[in-house]
N, C-alpha and C. Protein backbone atom coordinates (compact mmCIF):
# COMPACT_ATOMS: atom_id res chain seq x y z
N VAL A 1 0.78 -1.11 -0.23
CA VAL A 1 0.15 0.18 -0.16
C VAL A 1 0.79 1.13 0.08
N VAL A 2 0.60 2.10 -0.68
CA VAL A 2 1.25 3.59 -1.37
C VAL A 2 0.42 4.66 -1.14
N ILE A 3 0.83 5.87 -0.78
CA ILE A 3 -0.16 6.76 -0.49
C ILE A 3 0.29 8.11 -1.93
N PRO A 4 -0.63 7.78 -2.68
CA PRO A 4 -0.43 8.72 -3.92
C PRO A 4 0.03 9.81 -3.80
N ASP A 5 1.30 10.18 -4.78
CA ASP A 5 2.20 11.51 -4.48
C ASP A 5 1.80 12.50 -5.65
N GLN A 6 0.69 12.33 -6.25
CA GLN A 6 0.24 13.66 -7.35
C GLN A 6 -1.08 13.25 -7.74
N ALA A 7 -1.62 14.23 -8.41
CA ALA A 7 -3.40 14.34 -8.35
C ALA A 7 -3.43 14.96 -9.78
N VAL A 8 -4.20 14.85 -10.70
CA VAL A 8 -4.34 15.23 -12.30
C VAL A 8 -5.82 15.96 -11.92
N VAL A 9 -6.38 17.05 -12.33
CA VAL A 9 -7.10 17.82 -12.41
C VAL A 9 -7.77 18.24 -13.68
N SER A 10 -8.80 18.21 -14.21
CA SER A 10 -9.42 18.80 -15.52
C SER A 10 -10.38 20.01 -14.93
N MET A 11 -10.06 20.82 -16.00
CA MET A 11 -10.26 22.11 -15.54
C MET A 11 -10.92 23.15 -16.75
N GLY A 12 -11.92 23.69 -16.82
CA GLY A 12 -12.63 24.78 -17.70
C GLY A 12 -13.47 25.49 -17.93
N VAL A 13 -13.72 26.47 -18.95
CA VAL A 13 -15.08 27.25 -18.78
C VAL A 13 -15.57 26.81 -19.77
N GLU A 14 -17.11 27.00 -19.83
CA GLU A 14 -17.60 27.51 -21.09
C GLU A 14 -18.49 28.73 -20.99
N GLU A 15 -18.86 29.31 -22.09
CA GLU A 15 -19.50 30.85 -22.61
C GLU A 15 -20.37 30.78 -23.55
N LYS A 16 -21.48 31.16 -23.46
CA LYS A 16 -22.40 31.71 -24.30
C LYS A 16 -22.82 32.64 -24.61
N GLY A 17 -23.10 33.03 -25.84
CA GLY A 17 -23.47 34.14 -26.31
C GLY A 17 -24.11 34.75 -28.17
N ALA A 18 -24.06 35.62 -28.09
CA ALA A 18 -24.66 35.97 -29.72
C ALA A 18 -23.48 36.21 -30.57
N ASN A 19 -22.04 36.68 -30.10
CA ASN A 19 -20.99 37.02 -30.79
C ASN A 19 -20.23 36.08 -30.61
N LEU A 20 -19.47 35.44 -31.76
CA LEU A 20 -18.90 34.51 -31.55
C LEU A 20 -17.21 34.79 -30.96
N LYS A 21 -16.73 36.00 -31.50
CA LYS A 21 -15.90 36.67 -30.88
C LYS A 21 -15.85 36.81 -29.69
N ASN A 22 -16.96 37.61 -28.97
CA ASN A 22 -17.28 37.89 -27.98
C ASN A 22 -16.96 36.56 -26.88
N VAL A 23 -17.62 35.67 -26.97
CA VAL A 23 -18.14 34.23 -26.21
C VAL A 23 -16.08 34.13 -26.50
N GLN A 24 -16.06 33.79 -27.57
CA GLN A 24 -14.41 33.35 -27.68
C GLN A 24 -13.26 34.13 -26.72
N GLU A 25 -13.48 35.72 -26.99
CA GLU A 25 -12.63 36.37 -25.88
C GLU A 25 -13.01 36.04 -24.62
N MET A 26 -14.12 35.75 -23.60
CA MET A 26 -14.62 35.56 -22.51
C MET A 26 -13.89 34.26 -22.21
N VAL A 27 -14.18 33.31 -22.61
CA VAL A 27 -13.39 32.13 -22.71
C VAL A 27 -12.00 31.88 -22.69
N ASN A 28 -11.24 32.57 -23.52
CA ASN A 28 -9.91 33.17 -23.41
C ASN A 28 -9.44 34.02 -22.41
N LYS A 29 -10.12 34.86 -21.69
CA LYS A 29 -9.75 35.68 -20.57
C LYS A 29 -9.81 34.74 -19.07
N LYS A 30 -10.85 33.90 -19.17
CA LYS A 30 -11.17 32.84 -18.04
C LYS A 30 -9.91 31.66 -17.94
N MET A 31 -9.49 31.40 -19.29
CA MET A 31 -8.60 30.54 -18.84
C MET A 31 -6.96 31.00 -18.95
N ALA A 32 -7.02 32.40 -19.10
CA ALA A 32 -5.71 32.98 -19.01
C ALA A 32 -5.97 33.50 -17.75
N SER A 33 -6.63 33.56 -16.81
CA SER A 33 -6.78 33.84 -15.44
C SER A 33 -6.35 32.81 -14.69
N LEU A 34 -7.11 31.28 -15.12
CA LEU A 34 -6.89 30.13 -14.58
C LEU A 34 -5.42 29.80 -14.91
N THR A 35 -4.96 29.88 -15.89
CA THR A 35 -3.24 29.99 -15.90
C THR A 35 -2.34 30.44 -15.13
N LYS A 36 -2.68 31.83 -15.31
CA LYS A 36 -2.11 32.66 -14.35
C LYS A 36 -2.18 32.10 -12.82
N SER A 37 -3.57 31.80 -12.47
CA SER A 37 -3.48 31.18 -11.00
C SER A 37 -2.67 29.91 -10.67
N LEU A 38 -2.82 29.28 -11.51
CA LEU A 38 -2.14 27.72 -11.35
C LEU A 38 -0.78 28.05 -10.98
N LYS A 39 -0.35 28.51 -12.18
CA LYS A 39 1.44 29.56 -12.10
C LYS A 39 1.25 30.11 -10.68
N ASP A 40 0.56 30.91 -10.27
CA ASP A 40 0.84 31.42 -8.95
C ASP A 40 0.88 30.41 -8.09
N LEU A 41 -0.05 29.63 -7.66
CA LEU A 41 0.16 28.38 -6.93
C LEU A 41 1.58 27.02 -6.73
N GLY A 42 2.16 28.13 -7.54
CA GLY A 42 3.39 27.01 -7.96
C GLY A 42 3.40 26.04 -8.92
N ILE A 43 2.26 25.58 -9.71
CA ILE A 43 2.15 24.60 -10.62
C ILE A 43 3.18 24.89 -11.69
N ALA A 44 3.97 24.11 -12.53
CA ALA A 44 4.79 23.97 -13.34
C ALA A 44 4.04 24.12 -15.02
N GLU A 45 4.64 25.27 -15.64
CA GLU A 45 4.01 25.26 -16.85
C GLU A 45 4.15 24.00 -17.79
N LYS A 46 4.59 23.11 -17.04
CA LYS A 46 4.80 21.42 -18.13
C LYS A 46 3.77 21.09 -17.61
N ASP A 47 3.16 21.23 -16.64
CA ASP A 47 2.56 20.42 -15.65
C ASP A 47 0.72 21.16 -15.99
N ILE A 48 0.69 22.09 -17.02
CA ILE A 48 -0.68 22.63 -17.37
C ILE A 48 -0.91 22.53 -19.02
N LYS A 49 -1.81 21.30 -19.21
CA LYS A 49 -1.65 20.84 -20.85
C LYS A 49 -3.45 21.36 -21.33
N THR A 50 -3.76 22.35 -22.11
CA THR A 50 -4.67 22.23 -22.89
C THR A 50 -5.03 21.52 -23.59
N THR A 51 -6.30 20.53 -23.21
CA THR A 51 -6.85 19.19 -23.70
C THR A 51 -8.10 19.50 -24.53
N GLY A 52 -8.40 20.86 -24.76
CA GLY A 52 -9.87 20.81 -25.23
C GLY A 52 -10.21 22.39 -25.73
N TYR A 53 -10.36 22.87 -26.58
CA TYR A 53 -10.38 24.29 -27.08
C TYR A 53 -12.10 23.86 -28.32
N ASN A 54 -13.43 24.21 -28.05
CA ASN A 54 -14.06 23.97 -28.84
C ASN A 54 -15.20 25.56 -29.10
N TYR A 55 -15.57 25.44 -30.37
CA TYR A 55 -16.84 26.62 -30.24
C TYR A 55 -17.67 26.09 -31.48
N TYR A 56 -19.24 26.65 -31.06
CA TYR A 56 -20.10 25.89 -32.16
C TYR A 56 -21.22 26.41 -32.24
N PRO A 57 -22.03 26.16 -32.45
CA PRO A 57 -23.66 26.95 -32.71
C PRO A 57 -24.14 26.59 -31.72
N ASP A 58 -24.90 27.33 -30.68
CA ASP A 58 -25.80 27.00 -29.50
C ASP A 58 -27.41 26.02 -30.07
N TRP A 59 -27.29 24.90 -29.85
CA TRP A 59 -28.38 23.94 -30.48
C TRP A 59 -29.50 24.26 -30.21
N GLN A 60 -29.32 24.75 -28.81
CA GLN A 60 -30.77 25.34 -28.07
C GLN A 60 -31.47 26.45 -28.81
N ASN A 61 -30.37 27.05 -28.99
CA ASN A 61 -30.94 28.86 -29.44
C ASN A 61 -29.77 29.14 -30.49
N LYS A 62 -30.03 29.02 -31.76
CA LYS A 62 -29.38 28.99 -32.91
C LYS A 62 -28.99 30.29 -33.15
N SER A 63 -29.13 31.38 -32.42
CA SER A 63 -28.72 32.55 -32.74
C SER A 63 -27.43 32.91 -31.97
N ASN A 64 -27.48 31.89 -31.00
CA ASN A 64 -25.79 31.99 -29.70
C ASN A 64 -24.93 30.98 -30.16
N TYR A 65 -23.73 31.25 -29.58
CA TYR A 65 -22.40 30.38 -29.90
C TYR A 65 -21.83 30.02 -28.77
N VAL A 66 -21.24 28.90 -28.34
CA VAL A 66 -20.91 28.10 -27.26
C VAL A 66 -19.11 28.17 -27.29
N ALA A 67 -18.57 28.33 -26.67
CA ALA A 67 -17.28 28.17 -26.78
C ALA A 67 -16.91 27.70 -25.19
N TYR A 68 -15.74 26.53 -25.11
CA TYR A 68 -15.34 26.05 -23.97
C TYR A 68 -13.98 25.76 -24.26
N ALA A 69 -13.22 25.79 -23.47
CA ALA A 69 -11.72 25.41 -23.20
C ALA A 69 -11.40 24.66 -21.66
N THR A 70 -10.88 23.59 -21.83
CA THR A 70 -10.34 22.84 -20.80
C THR A 70 -8.72 22.37 -20.96
N VAL A 71 -8.38 22.30 -19.70
CA VAL A 71 -6.49 21.94 -19.09
C VAL A 71 -6.53 20.68 -18.29
N SER A 72 -5.85 20.16 -18.56
CA SER A 72 -5.44 19.25 -17.66
C SER A 72 -4.17 19.48 -16.65
N VAL A 73 -4.52 19.35 -15.50
CA VAL A 73 -3.11 20.20 -14.26
C VAL A 73 -2.96 19.13 -13.86
N VAL A 74 -1.60 18.74 -13.79
CA VAL A 74 -0.55 17.56 -12.77
C VAL A 74 -0.30 18.35 -11.63
N ILE A 75 -0.87 17.92 -10.54
CA ILE A 75 -0.34 18.71 -9.27
C ILE A 75 0.24 17.69 -8.66
N ARG A 76 1.83 18.32 -8.21
CA ARG A 76 2.99 17.01 -7.94
C ARG A 76 3.70 17.32 -6.88
N GLU A 77 2.78 18.41 -5.90
CA GLU A 77 2.73 18.75 -4.77
C GLU A 77 1.14 18.47 -3.62
N MET A 78 1.61 17.76 -2.99
CA MET A 78 0.02 17.34 -2.85
C MET A 78 -0.91 18.46 -1.69
N ASP A 79 0.07 18.96 -1.22
CA ASP A 79 -0.36 20.46 -0.46
C ASP A 79 -0.92 21.48 -1.25
N LYS A 80 -0.98 21.00 -2.27
CA LYS A 80 -1.48 22.22 -3.75
C LYS A 80 -2.71 21.63 -3.99
N VAL A 81 -3.42 20.41 -3.92
CA VAL A 81 -4.23 19.83 -4.37
C VAL A 81 -6.10 20.81 -3.53
N SER A 82 -5.74 20.92 -2.83
CA SER A 82 -6.61 21.82 -2.14
C SER A 82 -7.05 23.43 -2.77
N PRO A 83 -5.85 24.00 -2.58
CA PRO A 83 -5.86 25.63 -3.09
C PRO A 83 -6.20 25.25 -4.60
N VAL A 84 -5.53 24.08 -5.87
CA VAL A 84 -6.14 24.60 -6.80
C VAL A 84 -7.48 23.97 -7.05
N MET A 85 -8.18 23.11 -6.06
CA MET A 85 -9.76 23.03 -6.35
C MET A 85 -10.57 24.41 -6.02
N ASP A 86 -9.87 25.15 -4.94
CA ASP A 86 -10.39 26.42 -4.86
C ASP A 86 -10.77 27.29 -5.81
N LEU A 87 -9.84 27.38 -6.64
CA LEU A 87 -9.91 27.72 -7.96
C LEU A 87 -11.18 27.73 -8.62
N VAL A 88 -12.03 26.61 -8.60
CA VAL A 88 -13.21 26.31 -8.94
C VAL A 88 -14.04 27.32 -8.85
N GLY A 89 -14.64 27.68 -7.46
CA GLY A 89 -15.46 28.73 -6.75
C GLY A 89 -15.15 30.09 -7.29
N THR A 90 -13.83 30.05 -7.13
CA THR A 90 -13.05 31.42 -7.17
C THR A 90 -13.23 32.33 -8.63
N LEU A 91 -12.45 31.21 -9.77
CA LEU A 91 -12.58 31.54 -10.77
C LEU A 91 -14.05 31.70 -11.66
N GLY A 92 -14.63 31.11 -10.85
CA GLY A 92 -16.10 30.55 -11.52
C GLY A 92 -16.28 29.36 -12.81
N LEU A 93 -15.49 28.48 -12.47
CA LEU A 93 -14.87 27.63 -13.53
C LEU A 93 -16.39 26.59 -13.69
N ASP A 94 -16.60 26.14 -14.78
CA ASP A 94 -17.50 25.07 -15.00
C ASP A 94 -17.59 23.95 -15.26
N ASN A 95 -16.52 23.42 -15.88
CA ASN A 95 -16.46 21.87 -16.55
C ASN A 95 -14.66 21.63 -15.53
N VAL A 96 -15.39 20.93 -14.47
CA VAL A 96 -14.56 20.27 -13.34
C VAL A 96 -14.35 18.87 -13.47
N SER A 97 -13.16 17.86 -13.79
CA SER A 97 -12.92 16.42 -13.16
C SER A 97 -12.21 16.05 -12.30
N GLY A 98 -11.86 15.36 -11.27
CA GLY A 98 -11.12 15.34 -10.22
C GLY A 98 -11.57 16.01 -9.05
N PRO A 99 -10.18 15.77 -8.00
CA PRO A 99 -8.65 15.42 -8.42
C PRO A 99 -8.72 13.92 -8.79
N THR A 100 -8.15 13.13 -9.49
CA THR A 100 -7.95 11.89 -9.65
C THR A 100 -6.25 11.49 -9.34
N PHE A 101 -6.45 11.14 -7.58
CA PHE A 101 -4.71 10.56 -7.21
C PHE A 101 -3.96 9.63 -7.67
N GLY A 102 -2.68 9.43 -7.93
CA GLY A 102 -1.99 8.63 -8.80
C GLY A 102 -0.57 8.98 -8.19
N LEU A 103 0.03 7.33 -8.79
CA LEU A 103 1.37 7.80 -8.35
C LEU A 103 2.31 8.28 -9.76
N SER A 104 3.21 8.92 -9.17
CA SER A 104 4.50 9.52 -10.19
C SER A 104 5.28 8.51 -10.67
N ASP A 105 5.72 8.68 -12.28
CA ASP A 105 6.25 7.35 -12.50
C ASP A 105 7.50 6.76 -11.47
N GLU A 106 8.18 7.55 -10.91
CA GLU A 106 9.19 7.38 -10.21
C GLU A 106 8.86 6.52 -8.95
N LEU A 107 7.62 6.85 -7.97
CA LEU A 107 7.27 6.47 -7.30
C LEU A 107 6.65 4.87 -7.26
N MET A 108 5.98 4.93 -8.62
CA MET A 108 5.63 3.88 -9.10
C MET A 108 6.32 2.83 -9.46
N ASN A 109 7.62 3.05 -10.16
CA ASN A 109 8.75 2.41 -10.47
C ASN A 109 9.04 1.66 -9.18
N LYS A 110 9.32 2.63 -8.26
CA LYS A 110 9.97 2.42 -6.96
C LYS A 110 9.36 1.33 -6.33
N THR A 111 8.01 1.36 -6.10
CA THR A 111 7.06 0.67 -5.58
C THR A 111 7.28 -0.97 -6.17
N VAL A 112 6.60 -1.06 -7.32
CA VAL A 112 6.58 -2.35 -8.21
C VAL A 112 8.31 -2.80 -8.03
N LYS A 113 9.14 -2.17 -7.78
CA LYS A 113 10.29 -3.34 -7.41
C LYS A 113 10.38 -3.57 -6.33
N GLU A 114 9.64 -3.19 -5.26
CA GLU A 114 9.50 -3.61 -4.13
C GLU A 114 8.59 -4.23 -3.99
N ALA A 115 7.63 -4.69 -4.49
CA ALA A 115 6.46 -5.53 -4.43
C ALA A 115 6.76 -6.66 -5.59
N ARG A 116 7.33 -6.27 -6.51
CA ARG A 116 8.25 -7.79 -7.19
C ARG A 116 8.82 -8.49 -6.14
N ALA A 117 10.05 -7.66 -5.21
CA ALA A 117 11.24 -8.38 -4.74
C ALA A 117 10.09 -9.18 -3.66
N LEU A 118 9.32 -8.65 -2.86
CA LEU A 118 8.52 -9.27 -1.82
C LEU A 118 7.37 -10.53 -2.59
N ALA A 119 7.43 -10.51 -3.86
CA ALA A 119 6.17 -11.65 -4.48
C ALA A 119 7.70 -12.37 -5.02
N ILE A 120 8.38 -12.31 -5.20
CA ILE A 120 9.52 -13.58 -5.34
C ILE A 120 9.59 -13.92 -4.13
N ASP A 121 10.07 -13.44 -3.20
CA ASP A 121 10.48 -14.21 -1.86
C ASP A 121 9.16 -15.00 -1.14
N LYS A 122 8.03 -14.70 -1.76
CA LYS A 122 6.70 -15.46 -1.34
C LYS A 122 6.47 -16.54 -1.88
N ALA A 123 6.59 -16.66 -3.16
CA ALA A 123 6.57 -17.53 -4.39
C ALA A 123 7.67 -18.62 -3.62
N LYS A 124 9.19 -18.19 -3.53
CA LYS A 124 10.03 -19.43 -3.42
C LYS A 124 9.70 -20.02 -2.02
N ALA A 125 9.60 -19.21 -1.00
CA ALA A 125 8.71 -19.95 0.40
C ALA A 125 7.70 -20.94 0.14
N LYS A 126 6.82 -20.29 -0.75
CA LYS A 126 5.64 -21.24 -0.91
C LYS A 126 6.29 -22.41 -1.73
N ALA A 127 6.89 -22.40 -2.57
CA ALA A 127 7.51 -23.62 -3.50
C ALA A 127 8.42 -24.59 -2.58
N GLU A 128 9.03 -23.98 -1.78
CA GLU A 128 9.53 -24.63 -0.82
C GLU A 128 8.86 -25.13 0.20
N GLU A 129 7.83 -24.73 0.79
CA GLU A 129 6.41 -25.49 1.83
C GLU A 129 6.13 -26.41 1.14
N LEU A 130 5.39 -26.65 -0.40
CA LEU A 130 4.93 -27.37 -0.85
C LEU A 130 5.55 -28.30 -1.61
N SER A 131 6.88 -28.34 -2.09
CA SER A 131 7.58 -29.02 -2.47
C SER A 131 7.83 -29.96 -1.28
N GLY A 132 8.45 -29.59 -0.13
CA GLY A 132 8.53 -30.54 0.93
C GLY A 132 7.32 -31.29 1.35
N LEU A 133 6.16 -30.92 1.62
CA LEU A 133 4.85 -31.44 1.58
C LEU A 133 4.46 -32.56 0.40
N ALA A 134 5.45 -32.36 -0.61
CA ALA A 134 5.13 -33.38 -1.94
C ALA A 134 5.77 -34.71 -1.78
N GLY A 135 7.34 -34.41 -0.72
CA GLY A 135 8.47 -34.78 -1.04
C GLY A 135 9.33 -35.00 -2.31
N MET A 136 9.40 -33.43 -2.47
CA MET A 136 10.19 -33.24 -3.99
C MET A 136 11.14 -32.00 -3.29
N ILE A 137 12.42 -32.32 -3.95
CA ILE A 137 13.57 -31.50 -3.76
C ILE A 137 13.67 -30.54 -4.77
N LEU A 138 13.48 -29.42 -4.43
CA LEU A 138 13.65 -28.36 -5.40
C LEU A 138 15.11 -28.51 -6.16
N GLY A 139 15.15 -28.20 -7.67
CA GLY A 139 16.52 -27.36 -8.06
C GLY A 139 16.44 -25.87 -8.30
N ARG A 140 17.02 -25.38 -9.64
CA ARG A 140 17.47 -24.34 -9.94
C ARG A 140 15.61 -23.75 -10.53
N ILE A 141 15.68 -22.36 -10.56
CA ILE A 141 14.29 -21.60 -11.27
C ILE A 141 14.54 -21.83 -12.58
N VAL A 142 13.64 -22.42 -13.36
CA VAL A 142 13.71 -22.07 -15.04
C VAL A 142 13.19 -21.44 -15.83
N ASN A 143 12.31 -20.93 -14.85
CA ASN A 143 11.21 -19.84 -15.37
C ASN A 143 10.63 -18.70 -14.85
N VAL A 144 10.48 -17.87 -15.38
CA VAL A 144 9.58 -16.77 -13.86
C VAL A 144 8.99 -15.89 -15.00
N THR A 145 7.94 -15.57 -14.64
CA THR A 145 6.33 -14.97 -15.41
C THR A 145 5.97 -13.61 -14.31
N GLU A 146 5.68 -12.77 -14.96
CA GLU A 146 5.36 -11.89 -13.84
C GLU A 146 3.83 -10.72 -14.17
N GLY A 147 2.79 -10.78 -13.19
CA GLY A 147 2.12 -10.09 -13.70
C GLY A 147 1.45 -9.23 -12.83
N SER A 148 1.24 -7.73 -12.97
CA SER A 148 0.74 -6.51 -11.94
C SER A 148 -0.33 -6.06 -12.86
N ASN A 149 -0.82 -5.17 -11.38
CA ASN A 149 -1.86 -4.09 -11.76
C ASN A 149 -1.54 -2.65 -11.47
N LYS A 150 -2.08 -2.13 -11.85
CA LYS A 150 -1.73 -0.84 -11.66
C LYS A 150 -2.95 0.09 -10.66
N PRO A 151 -2.31 0.74 -9.48
CA PRO A 151 -3.38 1.24 -8.74
C PRO A 151 -4.48 1.58 -9.00
N GLN A 152 -5.38 2.03 -8.40
CA GLN A 152 -7.09 2.53 -8.41
C GLN A 152 -6.75 4.07 -8.16
N ASN A 153 -7.34 4.61 -9.26
CA ASN A 153 -6.87 6.10 -8.79
C ASN A 153 -8.43 6.53 -8.02
N TYR A 154 -8.15 7.45 -7.34
CA TYR A 154 -9.26 7.95 -6.77
C TYR A 154 -9.65 9.39 -6.68
N MET A 155 -10.99 9.43 -7.11
CA MET A 155 -11.30 10.97 -7.20
C MET A 155 -12.57 11.85 -6.47
N LEU A 156 -12.11 12.69 -6.12
CA LEU A 156 -12.64 13.45 -5.21
C LEU A 156 -14.12 13.65 -5.68
N ARG A 157 -15.35 13.49 -4.54
CA ARG A 157 -16.39 13.74 -5.20
C ARG A 157 -17.10 14.19 -4.07
N ASP A 158 -18.34 15.13 -4.50
CA ASP A 158 -19.12 16.08 -4.32
C ASP A 158 -18.56 16.88 -2.90
N ALA A 159 -18.05 17.47 -3.46
CA ALA A 159 -16.96 19.06 -2.64
C ALA A 159 -17.81 19.67 -2.93
N LEU A 160 -18.42 20.44 -1.87
CA LEU A 160 -19.75 21.23 -1.91
C LEU A 160 -18.73 22.87 -0.81
N PRO A 161 -19.74 23.99 -1.41
CA PRO A 161 -18.88 25.08 -0.63
C PRO A 161 -19.66 24.92 0.56
N VAL A 162 -18.82 25.72 1.57
CA VAL A 162 -19.22 25.57 3.02
C VAL A 162 -19.38 27.17 3.57
N THR A 163 -20.40 27.40 3.86
CA THR A 163 -20.88 28.97 4.03
C THR A 163 -21.33 28.87 5.89
N GLY A 164 -21.19 30.24 6.19
CA GLY A 164 -21.20 30.35 7.55
C GLY A 164 -22.25 30.57 7.92
N GLY A 165 -23.19 31.24 9.27
CA GLY A 165 -24.71 31.52 9.20
C GLY A 165 -24.81 33.29 8.78
N GLY A 166 -26.10 33.27 8.14
CA GLY A 166 -26.07 34.73 7.99
C GLY A 166 -25.57 34.81 6.49
N ASN A 167 -25.14 36.07 6.74
CA ASN A 167 -24.73 36.53 5.01
C ASN A 167 -23.10 36.43 5.34
N ALA A 168 -22.66 36.26 6.12
CA ALA A 168 -21.19 36.27 6.18
C ALA A 168 -20.95 34.48 5.61
N GLU A 169 -19.84 34.73 4.61
CA GLU A 169 -19.74 33.39 3.78
C GLU A 169 -18.03 33.48 4.43
N MET A 170 -17.81 31.84 4.41
CA MET A 170 -16.59 31.74 5.38
C MET A 170 -15.50 30.88 4.11
N LYS A 171 -14.18 31.41 4.62
CA LYS A 171 -13.56 30.59 3.07
C LYS A 171 -12.93 29.39 4.02
N THR A 172 -13.47 28.81 3.26
CA THR A 172 -12.90 27.27 3.53
C THR A 172 -12.30 26.09 2.13
N SER A 173 -11.26 26.07 2.45
CA SER A 173 -10.40 25.22 1.16
C SER A 173 -11.30 24.02 0.99
N THR A 174 -11.39 23.57 -0.26
CA THR A 174 -11.73 22.25 -0.62
C THR A 174 -10.88 21.18 -0.08
N PRO A 175 -12.24 20.48 0.72
CA PRO A 175 -11.38 18.82 1.43
C PRO A 175 -10.90 18.01 0.38
N VAL A 176 -9.69 17.33 0.77
CA VAL A 176 -9.44 16.68 -0.45
C VAL A 176 -8.60 15.44 0.39
N GLU A 177 -8.57 14.16 0.31
CA GLU A 177 -7.88 13.06 0.61
C GLU A 177 -7.17 12.23 -0.50
N ALA A 178 -6.27 12.00 -0.29
CA ALA A 178 -5.64 11.05 -1.28
C ALA A 178 -5.43 9.70 -1.14
N GLY A 179 -5.95 9.38 0.48
CA GLY A 179 -6.22 7.83 0.20
C GLY A 179 -4.78 7.06 -0.25
N SER A 180 -5.00 5.91 -0.30
CA SER A 180 -3.60 5.42 -0.66
C SER A 180 -3.96 4.40 -1.94
N SER A 181 -2.89 3.79 -2.56
CA SER A 181 -3.22 2.80 -3.62
C SER A 181 -2.56 1.63 -3.25
N GLU A 182 -2.95 0.45 -4.06
CA GLU A 182 -2.26 -0.80 -3.61
C GLU A 182 -1.78 -1.06 -5.01
N VAL A 183 -0.34 -1.76 -4.88
CA VAL A 183 0.67 -2.00 -6.13
C VAL A 183 0.71 -3.63 -5.72
N VAL A 184 0.27 -3.98 -6.68
CA VAL A 184 -0.27 -5.86 -7.16
C VAL A 184 0.84 -6.68 -7.81
N VAL A 185 2.19 -7.22 -7.25
CA VAL A 185 2.73 -8.05 -8.61
C VAL A 185 2.44 -9.58 -8.02
N ASP A 186 2.25 -10.14 -9.31
CA ASP A 186 2.03 -11.66 -9.14
C ASP A 186 3.16 -12.30 -9.98
N VAL A 187 4.13 -13.15 -9.37
CA VAL A 187 5.29 -13.84 -9.86
C VAL A 187 5.04 -15.60 -9.56
N THR A 188 4.91 -16.01 -11.14
CA THR A 188 4.96 -17.59 -10.84
C THR A 188 6.70 -17.82 -11.04
N LEU A 189 6.67 -18.84 -10.35
CA LEU A 189 8.32 -19.41 -10.70
C LEU A 189 8.17 -21.04 -11.22
N SER A 190 8.98 -21.35 -11.82
CA SER A 190 8.89 -22.73 -12.29
C SER A 190 10.63 -23.00 -11.97
N TYR A 191 10.86 -24.22 -11.32
CA TYR A 191 11.26 -25.30 -10.97
C TYR A 191 11.56 -26.57 -11.89
N GLU A 192 13.08 -26.64 -11.66
CA GLU A 192 13.50 -28.09 -11.88
C GLU A 192 13.06 -28.86 -10.44
N THR A 193 12.65 -29.90 -10.34
CA THR A 193 12.21 -30.88 -9.32
C THR A 193 13.41 -32.15 -9.30
N ARG A 194 13.57 -32.74 -8.67
CA ARG A 194 13.95 -34.34 -8.47
C ARG A 194 13.27 -34.95 -7.23
């Protein structure tokens, strides 16, 4: 079991209006503000990726246009997940998905290597036990096969804004919990027997 060390969030805006140029400018301004805010939080430029930019006639109101844009954001410092999610309300974002918690390549490789070593140790111990029970003597290992799974990603669900009593609104960070992920490696060892 390992604690995720990164999160991915998809964030975007949608605007509607009668003038396509104006609608596009509104989307561009909000996306520029989002990108600036993410960078101000310390999110690296390489971790902010445009994943969609679309505009089309509004099929429900033929005299209007719809434009929307989305970015995918990789958050490598877990203490920044909540401030990034706070941007949803602060900037009035419309299209948000995530966060999805996962393992960086470095942590995944390290964890799989550790799980692999444990799996081989367990397989050897089990082979010794079974061969002893069957009255067999194990020779050298002649084949090793491996199967593994990727950890399940977890998404933040049902994050709601929190307000205080009366008309005063309290500033509360978006609650996020990374949970944990399990990396499983299965190995099969084939032995010569005597």
